[in-house]
Each structure stands twice: as C-alpha cells, then as structure tokens.
Amino acid sequence: MEATCGGSGMSENKTPTDGGAAFPVAHSYLIQPGMSLRDYLAAKAMQALAQGGNYFDATARQAYMIADAMLREREK
C-alpha cells in the first residue's frame, strides 16, 4: 500500500487518509514534510508485531491495517 504525503483525502490507489504529517513544523523553508502519521503509526505497530516472528509481508500488512484503524477511530 502506498501512503500519500499530505493527508488531503484518498490517493489514486484509494488508500485511506494518511493523517497528515507525523511531525509537522512551522518553518516556511521546509520542503519535505517527512513521514505521514499513517506511516508513523504503522511503524509503531510493526515494532510490536515483529516480535512475534519473521513473517515480514504479513507483518507489514497488519501494521498498516492497525494504522488505518487508528486513523478511522481518530476521525470519530
């Protein structure tokens, strides 16, 4: 799954909103906003999931499923 940068809705691949920048900054000279909140949440979920074994593809999928669920819950 590809995450879009910016959090302005759905990408062409119909991925869920990415939540915007994980670590936004107010500097006008900054060109790269960094990772999305979705990617950050998935990385945190992956840390916990990876402790259970070496099924990397499944772990990555599960991590993004958790991140997407967290973003949906956040919008409520």
C-alpha atoms as a PDB file:
ATOM      1  CA  MET A   1       0.000   0.000   0.000  1.00  0.00           C
ATOM      2  CA  GLU A   2       1.208   3.459  -0.801  1.00  0.00           C
ATOM      3  CA  ALA A   3       0.580   6.328   1.565  1.00  0.00           C
ATOM      4  CA  THR A   4       0.083   9.785   0.224  1.00  0.00           C
ATOM      5  CA  CYS A   5       2.019  12.708   1.668  1.00  0.00           C
ATOM      6  CA  GLY A   6      -0.133  15.479   2.999  1.00  0.00           C
ATOM      7  CA  GLY A   7      -3.316  13.847   4.260  1.00  0.00           C
ATOM      8  CA  SER A   8      -5.731  15.515   1.856  1.00  0.00           C
ATOM      9  CA  GLY A   9      -8.023  12.563   1.242  1.00  0.00           C
ATOM     10  CA  MET A  10      -7.735   9.452  -0.872  1.00  0.00           C
ATOM     11  CA  SER A  11      -4.898   8.705  -3.268  1.00  0.00           C
ATOM     12  CA  GLU A  12      -5.359   7.180  -6.708  1.00  0.00           C
ATOM     13  CA  ASN A  13      -4.932   3.753  -5.079  1.00  0.00           C
ATOM     14  CA  LYS A  14      -7.873   4.529  -2.751  1.00  0.00           C
ATOM     15  CA  THR A  15      -5.726   4.307   0.340  1.00  0.00           C
ATOM     16  CA  PRO A  16      -7.248   5.865   3.454  1.00  0.00           C
ATOM     17  CA  THR A  17      -6.363   9.340   4.597  1.00  0.00           C
ATOM     18  CA  ASP A  18      -2.802   9.317   5.876  1.00  0.00           C
ATOM     19  CA  GLY A  19      -3.455  11.669   8.787  1.00  0.00           C
ATOM     20  CA  GLY A  20      -1.111  14.405   7.590  1.00  0.00           C
ATOM     21  CA  ALA A  21       2.454  14.900   8.766  1.00  0.00           C
ATOM     22  CA  ALA A  22       3.530  12.922  11.824  1.00  0.00           C
ATOM     23  CA  PHE A  23       5.834  15.699  12.993  1.00  0.00           C
ATOM     24  CA  PRO A  24       4.639  18.967  11.418  1.00  0.00           C
ATOM     25  CA  VAL A  25       6.872  22.005  11.551  1.00  0.00           C
ATOM     26  CA  ALA A  26       6.074  25.675  11.031  1.00  0.00           C
ATOM     27  CA  HIS A  27       9.181  26.607   9.036  1.00  0.00           C
ATOM     28  CA  SER A  28       8.289  28.027   5.628  1.00  0.00           C
ATOM     29  CA  TYR A  29      11.626  26.933   4.155  1.00  0.00           C
ATOM     30  CA  LEU A  30      10.977  23.231   4.814  1.00  0.00           C
ATOM     31  CA  ILE A  31      10.308  21.421   1.537  1.00  0.00           C
ATOM     32  CA  GLN A  32       9.907  17.817   2.780  1.00  0.00           C
ATOM     33  CA  PRO A  33       7.201  17.337   5.420  1.00  0.00           C
ATOM     34  CA  GLY A  34       8.523  13.903   6.405  1.00  0.00           C
ATOM     35  CA  MET A  35       6.529  10.767   7.050  1.00  0.00           C
ATOM     36  CA  SER A  36       2.768  10.728   7.304  1.00  0.00           C
ATOM     37  CA  LEU A  37       1.005   9.976  10.553  1.00  0.00           C
ATOM     38  CA  ARG A  38      -0.222   6.741   8.913  1.00  0.00           C
ATOM     39  CA  ASP A  39       3.354   5.631   8.233  1.00  0.00           C
ATOM     40  CA  TYR A  40       4.398   6.546  11.785  1.00  0.00           C
ATOM     41  CA  LEU A  41       1.514   4.570  13.319  1.00  0.00           C
ATOM     42  CA  ALA A  42       2.256   1.603  11.057  1.00  0.00           C
ATOM     43  CA  ALA A  43       5.918   1.678  12.075  1.00  0.00           C
ATOM     44  CA  LYS A  44       4.964   1.666  15.761  1.00  0.00           C
ATOM     45  CA  ALA A  45       2.518  -1.205  15.212  1.00  0.00           C
ATOM     46  CA  MET A  46       5.155  -3.094  13.236  1.00  0.00           C
ATOM     47  CA  GLN A  47       7.565  -2.894  16.177  1.00  0.00           C
ATOM     48  CA  ALA A  48       5.109  -4.811  18.322  1.00  0.00           C
ATOM     49  CA  LEU A  49       4.069  -7.251  15.589  1.00  0.00           C
ATOM     50  CA  ALA A  50       7.649  -8.059  14.527  1.00  0.00           C
ATOM     51  CA  GLN A  51       8.406  -9.527  17.922  1.00  0.00           C
ATOM     52  CA  GLY A  52       6.131 -12.453  17.073  1.00  0.00           C
ATOM     53  CA  GLY A  53       8.095 -13.918  14.157  1.00  0.00           C
ATOM     54  CA  ASN A  54       9.679 -13.350  10.774  1.00  0.00           C
ATOM     55  CA  TYR A  55       6.618 -13.043   8.539  1.00  0.00           C
ATOM     56  CA  PHE A  56       7.582  -9.662   7.169  1.00  0.00           C
ATOM     57  CA  ASP A  57       4.988  -9.264   4.393  1.00  0.00           C
ATOM     58  CA  ALA A  58       2.131 -10.252   6.685  1.00  0.00           C
ATOM     59  CA  THR A  59       3.540  -8.081   9.488  1.00  0.00           C
ATOM     60  CA  ALA A  60       3.712  -5.048   7.174  1.00  0.00           C
ATOM     61  CA  ARG A  61       0.111  -5.611   6.013  1.00  0.00           C
ATOM     62  CA  GLN A  62      -1.099  -5.964   9.593  1.00  0.00           C
ATOM     63  CA  ALA A  63       0.798  -2.861  10.675  1.00  0.00           C
ATOM     64  CA  TYR A  64      -0.966  -0.740   8.032  1.00  0.00           C
ATOM     65  CA  MET A  65      -4.315  -2.317   8.919  1.00  0.00           C
ATOM     66  CA  ILE A  66      -3.745  -1.232  12.526  1.00  0.00           C
ATOM     67  CA  ALA A  67      -2.627   2.249  11.435  1.00  0.00           C
ATOM     68  CA  ASP A  68      -5.716   2.618   9.221  1.00  0.00           C
ATOM     69  CA  ALA A  69      -7.982   1.530  12.092  1.00  0.00           C
ATOM     70  CA  MET A  70      -6.289   4.057  14.395  1.00  0.00           C
ATOM     71  CA  LEU A  71      -6.834   6.853  11.859  1.00  0.00           C
ATOM     72  CA  ARG A  72     -10.507   5.884  11.389  1.00  0.00           C
ATOM     73  CA  GLU A  73     -11.025   5.922  15.154  1.00  0.00           C
ATOM     74  CA  ARG A  74      -9.272   9.289  15.381  1.00  0.00           C
ATOM     75  CA  GLU A  75     -11.779  10.812  12.919  1.00  0.00           C
ATOM     76  CA  LYS A  76     -14.808   9.852  15.059  1.00  0.00           C
END
